[in-house]
């Protein structure tokens, strides 16, 4: 196969616009009808959203760890999006998600 015949598809690159990024985050975090917004792909102009998952497994949470999902708005600011905790006294992995 010749290299000219091999075509790699080109995908559009997401270039972040800060004004649209902040507007999108405010819609996701504070809009009442955000569920419909979350079911759609993120617009390319918004750019990439970055999340962080932190597991807390110390002290009383040693056997039942807690997980926190944060959305990073900026380098120094993050917003809690979801919390999960392993439920006690279950033979399978059951989590309480809020």
C-alpha atoms as a PDB file:
ATOM      1  CA  UNK A   1       0.000   0.000   0.000  1.00  0.00           C
ATOM      2  CA  UNK A   2       1.364   3.352  -1.020  1.00  0.00           C
ATOM      3  CA  UNK A   3       1.607   6.142   1.568  1.00  0.00           C
ATOM      4  CA  UNK A   4      -0.394   8.455  -0.677  1.00  0.00           C
ATOM      5  CA  UNK A   5      -3.257   5.970  -0.716  1.00  0.00           C
ATOM      6  CA  UNK A   6      -3.323   5.734   3.069  1.00  0.00           C
ATOM      7  CA  UNK A   7      -5.406   8.617   4.354  1.00  0.00           C
ATOM      8  CA  UNK A   8      -5.703   9.385   8.000  1.00  0.00           C
ATOM      9  CA  UNK A   9      -8.957  11.140   8.845  1.00  0.00           C
ATOM     10  CA  UNK A  10      -8.504  14.629  10.197  1.00  0.00           C
ATOM     11  CA  UNK A  11     -10.587  15.616  13.181  1.00  0.00           C
ATOM     12  CA  UNK A  12     -11.360  19.211  14.063  1.00  0.00           C
ATOM     13  CA  UNK A  13      -9.271  20.509  16.935  1.00  0.00           C
ATOM     14  CA  UNK A  14     -10.951  22.137  19.916  1.00  0.00           C
ATOM     15  CA  UNK A  15      -9.600  25.617  20.543  1.00  0.00           C
ATOM     16  CA  UNK A  16     -10.749  26.966  23.866  1.00  0.00           C
ATOM     17  CA  UNK A  17     -12.391  30.368  23.998  1.00  0.00           C
ATOM     18  CA  UNK A  18     -12.412  31.530  27.605  1.00  0.00           C
ATOM     19  CA  UNK A  19     -15.657  33.483  27.339  1.00  0.00           C
ATOM     20  CA  UNK A  20     -17.564  30.490  25.914  1.00  0.00           C
ATOM     21  CA  UNK A  21     -15.859  28.130  28.377  1.00  0.00           C
ATOM     22  CA  UNK A  22     -17.024  30.188  31.382  1.00  0.00           C
ATOM     23  CA  UNK A  23     -20.502  30.597  29.915  1.00  0.00           C
ATOM     24  CA  UNK A  24     -20.780  26.822  29.336  1.00  0.00           C
ATOM     25  CA  UNK A  25     -19.596  26.044  32.886  1.00  0.00           C
ATOM     26  CA  UNK A  26     -22.162  28.425  34.342  1.00  0.00           C
ATOM     27  CA  UNK A  27     -24.897  26.756  32.300  1.00  0.00           C
ATOM     28  CA  UNK A  28     -23.820  23.293  33.443  1.00  0.00           C
ATOM     29  CA  UNK A  29     -23.403  24.221  37.104  1.00  0.00           C
ATOM     30  CA  UNK A  30     -26.302  26.592  37.732  1.00  0.00           C
ATOM     31  CA  UNK A  31     -28.943  26.084  35.026  1.00  0.00           C
ATOM     32  CA  UNK A  32     -32.090  24.213  36.048  1.00  0.00           C
ATOM     33  CA  UNK A  33     -32.399  22.503  32.650  1.00  0.00           C
ATOM     34  CA  UNK A  34     -28.760  21.393  32.512  1.00  0.00           C
ATOM     35  CA  UNK A  35     -29.656  17.731  31.952  1.00  0.00           C
ATOM     36  CA  UNK A  36     -30.514  18.338  28.303  1.00  0.00           C
ATOM     37  CA  UNK A  37     -27.283  20.300  27.900  1.00  0.00           C
ATOM     38  CA  UNK A  38     -25.232  17.464  29.410  1.00  0.00           C
ATOM     39  CA  UNK A  39     -26.700  14.922  26.981  1.00  0.00           C
ATOM     40  CA  UNK A  40     -25.202  16.796  24.010  1.00  0.00           C
ATOM     41  CA  UNK A  41     -21.539  16.791  22.924  1.00  0.00           C
ATOM     42  CA  UNK A  42     -19.456  19.684  24.199  1.00  0.00           C
ATOM     43  CA  UNK A  43     -19.109  22.355  21.478  1.00  0.00           C
ATOM     44  CA  UNK A  44     -15.613  22.617  19.994  1.00  0.00           C
ATOM     45  CA  UNK A  45     -15.411  26.316  20.897  1.00  0.00           C
ATOM     46  CA  UNK A  46     -15.776  25.468  24.591  1.00  0.00           C
ATOM     47  CA  UNK A  47     -12.674  23.288  24.506  1.00  0.00           C
ATOM     48  CA  UNK A  48     -11.815  20.413  26.785  1.00  0.00           C
ATOM     49  CA  UNK A  49     -13.269  20.069  30.272  1.00  0.00           C
ATOM     50  CA  UNK A  50     -10.899  18.728  32.885  1.00  0.00           C
ATOM     51  CA  UNK A  51     -12.044  16.668  35.862  1.00  0.00           C
ATOM     52  CA  UNK A  52     -10.204  15.337  38.911  1.00  0.00           C
ATOM     53  CA  UNK A  53     -11.154  12.294  40.980  1.00  0.00           C
ATOM     54  CA  UNK A  54      -9.896  12.163  44.566  1.00  0.00           C
ATOM     55  CA  UNK A  55     -10.181   9.052  46.724  1.00  0.00           C
ATOM     56  CA  UNK A  56     -10.189   9.543  50.486  1.00  0.00           C
ATOM     57  CA  UNK A  57      -9.191   6.377  52.283  1.00  0.00           C
ATOM     58  CA  UNK A  58      -7.976   7.359  55.753  1.00  0.00           C
ATOM     59  CA  UNK A  59      -9.298   7.013  59.292  1.00  0.00           C
ATOM     60  CA  UNK A  60     -12.929   5.920  59.401  1.00  0.00           C
ATOM     61  CA  UNK A  61     -13.084   5.706  55.612  1.00  0.00           C
ATOM     62  CA  UNK A  62     -10.388   3.001  55.437  1.00  0.00           C
ATOM     63  CA  UNK A  63     -12.853   0.190  54.675  1.00  0.00           C
ATOM     64  CA  UNK A  64     -15.427   2.383  52.981  1.00  0.00           C
ATOM     65  CA  UNK A  65     -13.586   4.890  50.772  1.00  0.00           C
ATOM     66  CA  UNK A  66     -15.066   8.147  49.529  1.00  0.00           C
ATOM     67  CA  UNK A  67     -14.653   9.462  46.006  1.00  0.00           C
ATOM     68  CA  UNK A  68     -15.010  13.117  45.024  1.00  0.00           C
ATOM     69  CA  UNK A  69     -15.326  14.288  41.394  1.00  0.00           C
ATOM     70  CA  UNK A  70     -14.252  17.882  40.795  1.00  0.00           C
ATOM     71  CA  UNK A  71     -14.573  20.027  37.679  1.00  0.00           C
ATOM     72  CA  UNK A  72     -11.592  22.328  37.266  1.00  0.00           C
ATOM     73  CA  UNK A  73     -12.725  25.837  36.326  1.00  0.00           C
ATOM     74  CA  UNK A  74      -9.216  27.303  36.423  1.00  0.00           C
ATOM     75  CA  UNK A  75      -5.784  26.382  37.735  1.00  0.00           C
ATOM     76  CA  UNK A  76      -6.693  27.324  41.314  1.00  0.00           C
ATOM     77  CA  UNK A  77     -10.471  26.857  41.355  1.00  0.00           C
ATOM     78  CA  UNK A  78     -12.468  23.624  41.211  1.00  0.00           C
ATOM     79  CA  UNK A  79     -16.123  22.787  41.783  1.00  0.00           C
ATOM     80  CA  UNK A  80     -17.478  19.620  43.373  1.00  0.00           C
ATOM     81  CA  UNK A  81     -19.647  17.759  40.875  1.00  0.00           C
ATOM     82  CA  UNK A  82     -20.257  14.342  42.416  1.00  0.00           C
ATOM     83  CA  UNK A  83     -19.623  12.359  45.603  1.00  0.00           C
ATOM     84  CA  UNK A  84     -19.630   8.575  46.050  1.00  0.00           C
ATOM     85  CA  UNK A  85     -19.103   6.410  49.123  1.00  0.00           C
ATOM     86  CA  UNK A  86     -18.813   2.642  49.364  1.00  0.00           C
ATOM     87  CA  UNK A  87     -21.728   1.329  51.379  1.00  0.00           C
ATOM     88  CA  UNK A  88     -20.999  -0.784  54.421  1.00  0.00           C
ATOM     89  CA  UNK A  89     -22.124  -4.369  55.049  1.00  0.00           C
ATOM     90  CA  UNK A  90     -22.584  -5.382  51.388  1.00  0.00           C
ATOM     91  CA  UNK A  91     -20.912  -8.383  49.813  1.00  0.00           C
ATOM     92  CA  UNK A  92     -20.671  -6.618  46.452  1.00  0.00           C
ATOM     93  CA  UNK A  93     -19.409  -3.139  45.643  1.00  0.00           C
ATOM     94  CA  UNK A  94     -22.380  -0.844  46.239  1.00  0.00           C
ATOM     95  CA  UNK A  95     -21.896   2.912  46.253  1.00  0.00           C
ATOM     96  CA  UNK A  96     -24.026   5.803  47.421  1.00  0.00           C
ATOM     97  CA  UNK A  97     -23.726   8.478  44.731  1.00  0.00           C
ATOM     98  CA  UNK A  98     -24.825  12.070  45.237  1.00  0.00           C
END
